[in-house]
C-alpha atoms as a PDB file:
ATOM      1  CA  MET A   1     -52.626 -22.424  -0.252  1.00  0.00           C
ATOM      2  CA  LYS A   2     -50.048 -25.257  -0.654  1.00  0.00           C
ATOM      3  CA  ILE A   3     -46.446 -23.771  -1.176  1.00  0.00           C
ATOM      4  CA  GLN A   4     -43.594 -26.129  -1.854  1.00  0.00           C
ATOM      5  CA  PHE A   5     -39.940 -24.459  -1.890  1.00  0.00           C
ATOM      6  CA  LEU A   6     -37.874 -26.636  -5.048  1.00  0.00           C
ATOM      7  CA  GLY A   7     -34.485 -24.891  -4.056  1.00  0.00           C
ATOM      8  CA  THR A   8     -33.619 -22.223  -1.978  1.00  0.00           C
ATOM      9  CA  ALA A   9     -30.071 -21.749  -3.270  1.00  0.00           C
ATOM     10  CA  ALA A  10     -28.603 -18.020  -5.067  1.00  0.00           C
ATOM     11  CA  ALA A  11     -27.372 -18.765  -8.473  1.00  0.00           C
ATOM     12  CA  GLU A  12     -24.120 -20.790  -7.486  1.00  0.00           C
ATOM     13  CA  GLY A  13     -26.319 -23.720  -5.739  1.00  0.00           C
ATOM     14  CA  PHE A  14     -24.288 -24.865  -2.430  1.00  0.00           C
ATOM     15  CA  PRO A  15     -22.269 -26.685  -2.812  1.00  0.00           C
ATOM     16  CA  GLY A  16     -20.815 -24.410  -5.638  1.00  0.00           C
ATOM     17  CA  SER A  17     -20.432 -26.256  -9.163  1.00  0.00           C
ATOM     18  CA  PHE A  18     -16.665 -24.937  -9.430  1.00  0.00           C
ATOM     19  CA  CYS A  19     -15.867 -23.820  -5.603  1.00  0.00           C
ATOM     20  CA  ASN A  20     -13.479 -25.174  -3.243  1.00  0.00           C
ATOM     21  CA  CYS A  21     -14.250 -22.752  -0.271  1.00  0.00           C
ATOM     22  CA  LYS A  22     -14.506 -23.910   2.945  1.00  0.00           C
ATOM     23  CA  TYR A  23     -18.651 -24.115   3.135  1.00  0.00           C
ATOM     24  CA  CYS A  24     -18.846 -25.631  -0.024  1.00  0.00           C
ATOM     25  CA  GLU A  25     -15.959 -28.182   0.826  1.00  0.00           C
ATOM     26  CA  GLU A  26     -18.142 -28.820   4.384  1.00  0.00           C
ATOM     27  CA  VAL A  27     -21.365 -29.293   2.783  1.00  0.00           C
ATOM     28  CA  ARG A  28     -19.995 -32.019   0.250  1.00  0.00           C
ATOM     29  CA  LYS A  29     -18.835 -34.084   3.700  1.00  0.00           C
ATOM     30  CA  LEU A  30     -22.070 -33.391   5.306  1.00  0.00           C
ATOM     31  CA  GLY A  31     -24.059 -34.733   2.547  1.00  0.00           C
ATOM     32  CA  GLU A  32     -26.976 -34.194  -0.047  1.00  0.00           C
ATOM     33  CA  LYS A  33     -29.530 -33.981   2.781  1.00  0.00           C
ATOM     34  CA  TYR A  34     -27.687 -30.043   3.001  1.00  0.00           C
ATOM     35  CA  TYR A  35     -27.646 -28.725  -0.617  1.00  0.00           C
ATOM     36  CA  ARG A  36     -29.814 -26.111  -1.808  1.00  0.00           C
ATOM     37  CA  THR A  37     -30.454 -26.153  -5.370  1.00  0.00           C
ATOM     38  CA  ARG A  38     -31.792 -22.463  -7.291  1.00  0.00           C
ATOM     39  CA  SER A  39     -34.418 -21.009  -6.231  1.00  0.00           C
ATOM     40  CA  GLN A  40     -37.883 -22.065  -7.837  1.00  0.00           C
ATOM     41  CA  ALA A  41     -41.120 -22.808  -6.012  1.00  0.00           C
ATOM     42  CA  ILE A  42     -44.543 -23.886  -6.626  1.00  0.00           C
ATOM     43  CA  ILE A  43     -48.268 -23.606  -5.674  1.00  0.00           C
ATOM     44  CA  ASP A  44     -50.727 -26.024  -4.941  1.00  0.00           C
ATOM     45  CA  GLY A  45     -48.879 -27.871  -8.456  1.00  0.00           C
ATOM     46  CA  LYS A  46     -50.308 -25.498 -10.722  1.00  0.00           C
ATOM     47  CA  LEU A  47     -48.294 -21.952 -10.176  1.00  0.00           C
ATOM     48  CA  LEU A  48     -44.462 -22.092 -11.093  1.00  0.00           C
ATOM     49  CA  ILE A  49     -42.772 -19.575 -10.104  1.00  0.00           C
ATOM     50  CA  ASP A  50     -39.176 -19.103 -12.024  1.00  0.00           C
ATOM     51  CA  MET A  51     -37.276 -21.443 -14.264  1.00  0.00           C
ATOM     52  CA  PRO A  52     -33.771 -21.849 -13.510  1.00  0.00           C
ATOM     53  CA  ALA A  53     -32.017 -24.696 -15.505  1.00  0.00           C
ATOM     54  CA  ASP A  54     -32.480 -27.123 -12.382  1.00  0.00           C
ATOM     55  CA  THR A  55     -36.657 -27.042 -13.302  1.00  0.00           C
ATOM     56  CA  TYR A  56     -35.997 -30.366 -14.329  1.00  0.00           C
ATOM     57  CA  TYR A  57     -34.090 -32.237 -11.233  1.00  0.00           C
ATOM     58  CA  HIS A  58     -37.170 -30.211  -9.094  1.00  0.00           C
ATOM     59  CA  PHE A  59     -39.848 -32.380 -11.293  1.00  0.00           C
ATOM     60  CA  LEU A  60     -38.633 -35.199 -10.965  1.00  0.00           C
ATOM     61  CA  LYS A  61     -37.254 -35.508  -7.434  1.00  0.00           C
ATOM     62  CA  ASN A  62     -40.848 -34.078  -5.825  1.00  0.00           C
ATOM     63  CA  ASN A  63     -42.847 -36.256  -8.218  1.00  0.00           C
ATOM     64  CA  ILE A  64     -44.267 -32.839 -10.029  1.00  0.00           C
ATOM     65  CA  ARG A  65     -46.123 -33.747 -13.431  1.00  0.00           C
ATOM     66  CA  GLY A  66     -44.900 -30.541 -15.274  1.00  0.00           C
ATOM     67  CA  ASP A  67     -48.104 -31.037 -17.596  1.00  0.00           C
ATOM     68  CA  GLU A  68     -50.668 -30.319 -14.684  1.00  0.00           C
ATOM     69  CA  ILE A  69     -48.779 -26.698 -14.340  1.00  0.00           C
ATOM     70  CA  GLU A  70     -51.639 -23.936 -15.811  1.00  0.00           C
ATOM     71  CA  THR A  71     -49.163 -21.203 -15.025  1.00  0.00           C
ATOM     72  CA  VAL A  72     -45.423 -19.464 -15.206  1.00  0.00           C
ATOM     73  CA  ILE A  73     -44.272 -16.631 -13.403  1.00  0.00           C
ATOM     74  CA  PHE A  74     -40.364 -15.326 -13.734  1.00  0.00           C
ATOM     75  CA  THR A  75     -39.677 -12.347 -11.517  1.00  0.00           C
ATOM     76  CA  HIS A  76     -36.786 -11.620 -13.893  1.00  0.00           C
ATOM     77  CA  THR A  77     -34.594 -12.552 -16.154  1.00  0.00           C
ATOM     78  CA  HIS A  78     -30.854 -13.464 -14.940  1.00  0.00           C
ATOM     79  CA  GLY A  79     -29.817 -17.170 -15.759  1.00  0.00           C
ATOM     80  CA  ASP A  80     -30.362 -18.661 -12.401  1.00  0.00           C
ATOM     81  CA  HIS A  81     -34.731 -17.814 -12.636  1.00  0.00           C
ATOM     82  CA  PHE A  82     -35.064 -17.849 -16.820  1.00  0.00           C
ATOM     83  CA  TYR A  83     -34.270 -20.988 -18.388  1.00  0.00           C
ATOM     84  CA  HIS A  84     -36.632 -20.292 -20.653  1.00  0.00           C
ATOM     85  CA  LYS A  85     -35.654 -22.410 -23.258  1.00  0.00           C
ATOM     86  CA  GLU A  86     -36.797 -25.572 -20.984  1.00  0.00           C
ATOM     87  CA  LEU A  87     -40.165 -24.230 -22.233  1.00  0.00           C
ATOM     88  CA  GLU A  88     -39.180 -25.747 -25.412  1.00  0.00           C
ATOM     89  CA  MET A  89     -39.826 -29.531 -23.938  1.00  0.00           C
ATOM     90  CA  ARG A  90     -43.344 -28.831 -23.802  1.00  0.00           C
ATOM     91  CA  GLY A  91     -44.029 -28.326 -27.607  1.00  0.00           C
ATOM     92  CA  ALA A  92     -44.655 -30.638 -29.760  1.00  0.00           C
ATOM     93  CA  GLY A  93     -42.644 -34.101 -30.551  1.00  0.00           C
ATOM     94  CA  TYR A  94     -41.386 -33.069 -26.623  1.00  0.00           C
ATOM     95  CA  GLY A  95     -44.824 -32.671 -24.541  1.00  0.00           C
ATOM     96  CA  LYS A  96     -47.819 -34.965 -25.758  1.00  0.00           C
ATOM     97  CA  ASP A  97     -50.905 -35.435 -23.799  1.00  0.00           C
ATOM     98  CA  MET A  98     -50.843 -33.309 -21.583  1.00  0.00           C
ATOM     99  CA  ALA A  99     -52.966 -32.313 -18.792  1.00  0.00           C
ATOM    100  CA  VAL A 100     -53.090 -28.668 -19.447  1.00  0.00           C
ATOM    101  CA  GLU A 101     -53.320 -27.411 -23.498  1.00  0.00           C
ATOM    102  CA  LYS A 102     -52.366 -23.775 -23.278  1.00  0.00           C
ATOM    103  CA  LEU A 103     -49.579 -22.970 -20.217  1.00  0.00           C
ATOM    104  CA  ASN A 104     -50.211 -18.973 -19.165  1.00  0.00           C
ATOM    105  CA  LEU A 105     -46.972 -16.925 -18.692  1.00  0.00           C
ATOM    106  CA  LEU A 106     -46.008 -13.427 -17.142  1.00  0.00           C
ATOM    107  CA  ILE A 107     -42.955 -12.255 -18.005  1.00  0.00           C
ATOM    108  CA  PRO A 108     -40.472  -9.272 -17.713  1.00  0.00           C
ATOM    109  CA  ALA A 109     -40.973  -6.455 -20.399  1.00  0.00           C
ATOM    110  CA  ASN A 110     -37.304  -7.349 -21.318  1.00  0.00           C
ATOM    111  CA  GLY A 111     -37.909 -11.311 -21.495  1.00  0.00           C
ATOM    112  CA  LEU A 112     -40.153 -11.079 -23.989  1.00  0.00           C
ATOM    113  CA  ALA A 113     -37.280 -10.951 -27.041  1.00  0.00           C
ATOM    114  CA  LYS A 114     -36.234 -14.750 -25.399  1.00  0.00           C
ATOM    115  CA  ILE A 115     -39.575 -15.733 -25.122  1.00  0.00           C
ATOM    116  CA  GLU A 116     -39.911 -14.481 -29.070  1.00  0.00           C
ATOM    117  CA  LYS A 117     -37.452 -16.648 -30.103  1.00  0.00           C
ATOM    118  CA  LEU A 118     -38.625 -19.890 -29.322  1.00  0.00           C
ATOM    119  CA  GLY A 119     -39.870 -22.545 -31.952  1.00  0.00           C
ATOM    120  CA  SER A 120     -43.628 -21.695 -32.931  1.00  0.00           C
ATOM    121  CA  HIS A 121     -44.734 -25.193 -31.623  1.00  0.00           C
ATOM    122  CA  THR A 122     -43.746 -23.623 -28.140  1.00  0.00           C
ATOM    123  CA  LYS A 123     -45.508 -20.104 -28.516  1.00  0.00           C
ATOM    124  CA  ASP A 124     -48.543 -21.489 -30.338  1.00  0.00           C
ATOM    125  CA  ILE A 125     -49.618 -23.505 -27.212  1.00  0.00           C
ATOM    126  CA  MET A 126     -48.428 -20.596 -24.411  1.00  0.00           C
ATOM    127  CA  ASN A 127     -50.643 -17.544 -23.330  1.00  0.00           C
ATOM    128  CA  VAL A 128     -47.797 -14.655 -22.607  1.00  0.00           C
ATOM    129  CA  GLN A 129     -48.308 -11.582 -20.616  1.00  0.00           C
ATOM    130  CA  ILE A 130     -46.591  -8.358 -19.643  1.00  0.00           C
ATOM    131  CA  ALA A 131     -45.505  -8.215 -15.773  1.00  0.00           C
ATOM    132  CA  LYS A 132     -46.997  -4.887 -15.249  1.00  0.00           C
ATOM    133  CA  PRO A 133     -46.011  -3.018 -11.928  1.00  0.00           C
ATOM    134  CA  PHE A 134     -49.116  -3.009  -9.823  1.00  0.00           C
ATOM    135  CA  GLU A 135     -51.257  -5.018 -12.175  1.00  0.00           C
ATOM    136  CA  THR A 136     -53.102  -7.373 -11.319  1.00  0.00           C
ATOM    137  CA  VAL A 137     -54.193 -10.319 -13.928  1.00  0.00           C
ATOM    138  CA  THR A 138     -55.962 -13.200 -12.825  1.00  0.00           C
ATOM    139  CA  PHE A 139     -55.459 -16.654 -13.857  1.00  0.00           C
ATOM    140  CA  GLY A 140     -57.164 -19.804 -12.977  1.00  0.00           C
ATOM    141  CA  ASP A 141     -58.125 -19.319  -9.301  1.00  0.00           C
ATOM    142  CA  TYR A 142     -54.684 -17.187  -8.319  1.00  0.00           C
ATOM    143  CA  GLU A 143     -55.101 -13.319  -8.397  1.00  0.00           C
ATOM    144  CA  ILE A 144     -51.034 -12.475  -8.961  1.00  0.00           C
ATOM    145  CA  THR A 145     -49.245  -8.382  -8.697  1.00  0.00           C
ATOM    146  CA  PRO A 146     -46.408  -7.830  -9.700  1.00  0.00           C
ATOM    147  CA  LEU A 147     -44.242  -5.150  -7.515  1.00  0.00           C
ATOM    148  CA  PRO A 148     -41.402  -3.570  -8.678  1.00  0.00           C
ATOM    149  CA  ALA A 149     -38.008  -5.479  -7.016  1.00  0.00           C
ATOM    150  CA  ARG A 150     -34.537  -3.565  -5.790  1.00  0.00           C
ATOM    151  CA  HIS A 151     -32.282  -5.637  -7.545  1.00  0.00           C
ATOM    152  CA  GLY A 152     -30.064  -4.940 -10.325  1.00  0.00           C
ATOM    153  CA  TYR A 153     -27.098  -6.499 -12.451  1.00  0.00           C
ATOM    154  CA  GLY A 154     -29.124  -6.159 -15.949  1.00  0.00           C
ATOM    155  CA  ALA A 155     -32.342  -7.067 -14.788  1.00  0.00           C
ATOM    156  CA  ILE A 156     -34.229  -3.912 -15.705  1.00  0.00           C
ATOM    157  CA  ASP A 157     -37.733  -5.506 -14.895  1.00  0.00           C
ATOM    158  CA  ALA A 158     -37.181  -7.577 -11.732  1.00  0.00           C
ATOM    159  CA  ASN A 159     -40.268  -8.050  -9.674  1.00  0.00           C
ATOM    160  CA  ILE A 160     -41.634  -9.639  -6.682  1.00  0.00           C
ATOM    161  CA  TYR A 161     -45.048 -11.124  -6.466  1.00  0.00           C
ATOM    162  CA  LEU A 162     -48.213 -10.537  -4.529  1.00  0.00           C
ATOM    163  CA  ILE A 163     -50.029 -13.627  -4.867  1.00  0.00           C
ATOM    164  CA  LYS A 164     -54.346 -14.167  -3.693  1.00  0.00           C
ATOM    165  CA  LYS A 165     -55.490 -17.607  -3.722  1.00  0.00           C
ATOM    166  CA  GLY A 166     -59.846 -17.338  -2.134  1.00  0.00           C
ATOM    167  CA  ASP A 167     -58.810 -15.272   1.072  1.00  0.00           C
ATOM    168  CA  LYS A 168     -55.249 -15.446   1.509  1.00  0.00           C
ATOM    169  CA  HIS A 169     -52.276 -13.694   0.707  1.00  0.00           C
ATOM    170  CA  PHE A 170     -48.796 -15.071  -0.309  1.00  0.00           C
ATOM    171  CA  LEU A 171     -45.697 -12.645  -1.136  1.00  0.00           C
ATOM    172  CA  TYR A 172     -42.766 -14.151  -3.015  1.00  0.00           C
ATOM    173  CA  GLY A 173     -40.033 -11.565  -1.846  1.00  0.00           C
ATOM    174  CA  HIS A 174     -36.631 -13.102  -4.463  1.00  0.00           C
ATOM    175  CA  ASP A 175     -34.928 -11.230  -6.010  1.00  0.00           C
ATOM    176  CA  THR A 176     -34.563  -8.200  -4.334  1.00  0.00           C
ATOM    177  CA  GLY A 177     -33.189  -5.327  -1.816  1.00  0.00           C
ATOM    178  CA  TYR A 178     -34.840  -3.659   0.861  1.00  0.00           C
ATOM    179  CA  PHE A 179     -38.238  -3.016  -0.474  1.00  0.00           C
ATOM    180  CA  PHE A 180     -38.940   0.509  -2.312  1.00  0.00           C
ATOM    181  CA  ASP A 181     -41.678   2.876  -0.370  1.00  0.00           C
ATOM    182  CA  GLU A 182     -43.907   2.675  -3.064  1.00  0.00           C
ATOM    183  CA  VAL A 183     -44.510  -1.542  -2.200  1.00  0.00           C
ATOM    184  CA  PHE A 184     -44.499  -0.723   1.700  1.00  0.00           C
ATOM    185  CA  ASP A 185     -47.306   2.072   0.374  1.00  0.00           C
ATOM    186  CA  TYR A 186     -48.702  -0.054  -1.792  1.00  0.00           C
ATOM    187  CA  PHE A 187     -49.348  -2.651   1.492  1.00  0.00           C
ATOM    188  CA  LYS A 188     -50.706   0.123   3.074  1.00  0.00           C
ATOM    189  CA  ASN A 189     -52.987   1.989   1.272  1.00  0.00           C
ATOM    190  CA  ASN A 190     -54.797  -1.033  -0.266  1.00  0.00           C
ATOM    191  CA  ASN A 191     -54.604  -2.477   3.906  1.00  0.00           C
ATOM    192  CA  VAL A 192     -53.124  -5.736   2.445  1.00  0.00           C
ATOM    193  CA  TYR A 193     -52.852  -8.917   5.079  1.00  0.00           C
ATOM    194  CA  LEU A 194     -49.988 -11.191   4.632  1.00  0.00           C
ATOM    195  CA  ASP A 195     -50.707 -14.846   5.677  1.00  0.00           C
ATOM    196  CA  CYS A 196     -47.138 -15.976   4.562  1.00  0.00           C
ATOM    197  CA  LEU A 197     -44.053 -14.025   2.959  1.00  0.00           C
ATOM    198  CA  THR A 198     -40.862 -15.423   1.783  1.00  0.00           C
ATOM    199  CA  LEU A 199     -37.986 -12.561   1.334  1.00  0.00           C
ATOM    200  CA  ASP A 200     -34.511 -12.896   0.050  1.00  0.00           C
ATOM    201  CA  CYS A 201     -31.342 -13.314   2.863  1.00  0.00           C
ATOM    202  CA  CYS A 202     -28.705 -14.057   0.013  1.00  0.00           C
ATOM    203  CA  TYR A 203     -26.596 -11.925   2.500  1.00  0.00           C
ATOM    204  CA  GLY A 204     -27.192 -13.837   5.685  1.00  0.00           C
ATOM    205  CA  SER A 205     -25.230 -12.415   8.769  1.00  0.00           C
ATOM    206  CA  LEU A 206     -22.922 -10.062   6.046  1.00  0.00           C
ATOM    207  CA  PRO A 207     -23.516  -6.689   5.959  1.00  0.00           C
ATOM    208  CA  ILE A 208     -25.403  -5.198   2.496  1.00  0.00           C
ATOM    209  CA  SER A 209     -26.943  -1.711   2.233  1.00  0.00           C
ATOM    210  CA  ASP A 210     -30.394  -0.586   1.629  1.00  0.00           C
ATOM    211  CA  THR A 211     -29.930   0.088  -1.702  1.00  0.00           C
ATOM    212  CA  GLY A 212     -28.109  -3.382  -2.317  1.00  0.00           C
ATOM    213  CA  ALA A 213     -29.441  -6.376  -4.735  1.00  0.00           C
ATOM    214  CA  HIS A 214     -30.381  -8.667  -1.706  1.00  0.00           C
ATOM    215  CA  MET A 215     -30.752  -8.751   1.487  1.00  0.00           C
ATOM    216  CA  GLY A 216     -29.108 -10.436   5.275  1.00  0.00           C
ATOM    217  CA  TYR A 217     -30.539 -10.380   8.528  1.00  0.00           C
ATOM    218  CA  PRO A 218     -30.833  -6.706   9.476  1.00  0.00           C
ATOM    219  CA  ASN A 219     -32.202  -5.846   6.031  1.00  0.00           C
ATOM    220  CA  VAL A 220     -35.212  -8.484   6.444  1.00  0.00           C
ATOM    221  CA  GLU A 221     -35.600  -7.019  10.496  1.00  0.00           C
ATOM    222  CA  ARG A 222     -36.104  -4.039   8.959  1.00  0.00           C
ATOM    223  CA  VAL A 223     -38.919  -5.012   6.459  1.00  0.00           C
ATOM    224  CA  TYR A 224     -40.322  -7.145   8.901  1.00  0.00           C
ATOM    225  CA  ASN A 225     -40.614  -4.080  11.215  1.00  0.00           C
ATOM    226  CA  ARG A 226     -42.370  -1.544   8.764  1.00  0.00           C
ATOM    227  CA  LEU A 227     -44.585  -4.376   7.246  1.00  0.00           C
ATOM    228  CA  ARG A 228     -45.825  -4.699  11.065  1.00  0.00           C
ATOM    229  CA  GLU A 229     -46.249  -1.300  12.046  1.00  0.00           C
ATOM    230  CA  ASN A 230     -48.352  -0.931   8.532  1.00  0.00           C
ATOM    231  CA  GLY A 231     -50.732  -3.306  10.072  1.00  0.00           C
ATOM    232  CA  ASN A 232     -49.651  -5.732   7.033  1.00  0.00           C
ATOM    233  CA  ILE A 233     -48.436  -8.355   8.928  1.00  0.00           C
ATOM    234  CA  ASP A 234     -48.762 -10.016  12.881  1.00  0.00           C
ATOM    235  CA  ASP A 235     -47.528 -13.077  14.453  1.00  0.00           C
ATOM    236  CA  LYS A 236     -49.654 -15.213  13.146  1.00  0.00           C
ATOM    237  CA  THR A 237     -48.232 -14.562   9.418  1.00  0.00           C
ATOM    238  CA  VAL A 238     -45.673 -17.333   8.511  1.00  0.00           C
ATOM    239  CA  LYS A 239     -42.463 -15.928   7.888  1.00  0.00           C
ATOM    240  CA  ILE A 240     -40.140 -17.024   6.110  1.00  0.00           C
ATOM    241  CA  ILE A 241     -36.149 -16.605   4.405  1.00  0.00           C
ATOM    242  CA  ASN A 242     -34.868 -18.233   1.549  1.00  0.00           C
ATOM    243  CA  HIS A 243     -32.800 -17.715  -1.505  1.00  0.00           C
ATOM    244  CA  PHE A 244     -28.906 -18.026   0.282  1.00  0.00           C
ATOM    245  CA  SER A 245     -25.639 -17.392  -1.012  1.00  0.00           C
ATOM    246  CA  HIS A 246     -22.663 -20.208  -0.574  1.00  0.00           C
ATOM    247  CA  ASN A 247     -20.461 -17.164   0.910  1.00  0.00           C
ATOM    248  CA  VAL A 248     -23.331 -16.873   4.351  1.00  0.00           C
ATOM    249  CA  ASN A 249     -22.696 -21.000   4.672  1.00  0.00           C
ATOM    250  CA  PRO A 250     -26.165 -21.758   4.513  1.00  0.00           C
ATOM    251  CA  VAL A 251     -26.404 -25.103   5.832  1.00  0.00           C
ATOM    252  CA  GLN A 252     -29.753 -25.574   7.789  1.00  0.00           C
ATOM    253  CA  TYR A 253     -28.961 -25.612  11.183  1.00  0.00           C
ATOM    254  CA  VAL A 254     -26.257 -22.728  11.140  1.00  0.00           C
ATOM    255  CA  LEU A 255     -29.020 -20.491   9.427  1.00  0.00           C
ATOM    256  CA  GLU A 256     -31.539 -21.393  11.750  1.00  0.00           C
ATOM    257  CA  GLU A 257     -29.878 -20.796  15.094  1.00  0.00           C
ATOM    258  CA  GLU A 258     -28.394 -17.162  13.861  1.00  0.00           C
ATOM    259  CA  SER A 259     -31.170 -15.954  12.182  1.00  0.00           C
ATOM    260  CA  LYS A 260     -33.638 -16.807  15.519  1.00  0.00           C
ATOM    261  CA  HIS A 261     -33.820 -13.344  16.383  1.00  0.00           C
ATOM    262  CA  LEU A 262     -36.099 -12.851  13.404  1.00  0.00           C
ATOM    263  CA  ASP A 263     -38.734 -16.012  14.712  1.00  0.00           C
ATOM    264  CA  CYS A 264     -39.308 -16.887  10.829  1.00  0.00           C
ATOM    265  CA  LEU A 265     -38.704 -20.339   8.918  1.00  0.00           C
ATOM    266  CA  VAL A 266     -35.294 -20.825   7.146  1.00  0.00           C
ATOM    267  CA  SER A 267     -36.099 -22.809   4.531  1.00  0.00           C
ATOM    268  CA  TYR A 268     -34.943 -25.530   2.561  1.00  0.00           C
ATOM    269  CA  ASP A 269     -35.276 -27.751  -0.945  1.00  0.00           C
ATOM    270  CA  GLY A 270     -38.013 -29.386  -1.187  1.00  0.00           C
ATOM    271  CA  MET A 271     -39.896 -27.719   2.251  1.00  0.00           C
ATOM    272  CA  VAL A 272     -43.676 -27.318   2.266  1.00  0.00           C
ATOM    273  CA  VAL A 273     -46.047 -24.517   3.612  1.00  0.00           C
ATOM    274  CA  GLU A 274     -49.731 -24.481   3.758  1.00  0.00           C
ATOM    275  CA  ILE A 275     -51.902 -21.486   4.457  1.00  0.00           C
END
C-alpha cells in the first residue's frame, strides 16, 4: 500500500491566504518547500481521500492521473475536505477517454444533498454509497470501514477511516479529536493491528481538550498509549501526525523537533509512505 500525502494543512493552508501573522510571514520567506496545502491523501493512485479546492493543483504537482482514480472517500462535508464541484470536471464534455468509467464515492449522509445537485452528466458515472459507522464496504482491493470522528462545527456525520488491503491496515484519522470509546473498543474487540496510522495534530503544542474537534501532541500521545495498551499498535507501526494549523508554526523542522517524544513521522506535502 503506497500512501501519499498531497496536502497537510488545516482549512486556511500555510501560509494562510489572508494571514499576516508572524508564522505565515516566516514561511513566505522560507519559500514553497515549506508551504502546506489543504489536507488530502491518495493510496496507490486509485483511492483518493477527501477533495479540497486544492485537488487540481495536487494532481498537477504530483503527476496524478485523475481518470485512473477508482474511489473517493470523504471524511466530512467541511469545505476544505468536500469541494464536490470538482466532480463535475469528470462529467461529459469535461472528462474524456477516462481509464475508469464509473467512480465510486463513499460520502457522509449529510453530503448526499450536495451530490444530488450535480448534473446528471456527472451523477450517471458515479456509484454513490453512504458511509455508515462500523459498516465495512469493499471497493476493488480495499475494505473500508468508517468510524465516527469527534468533529464539530456542523459536520454532523464526520468519519475517520480504517482501510485494509491484503493483510495491511491503515488508519486515516482526520479531522477528529480524541477517539470515542466505541472506536477504541472496535479496534480492541476486532484485534485490529495497525501497520500505519496518521492522526490529526492540528493544535500541535497548543492545549485542547479531549472533547475538542482536533488534537495536539498530548491528545495524540494519549491515543497512541490507548492503542498500544489494547495491542493495536507496537514499535513496528508507522505513526504519522498531520493536518496542521498555521497557528502552531507548522514549518517542518519545527514540528519535527517539537514532536520527538512521540516517535512519529511529521507529514509534509508530497510525502510518500509504503507499508
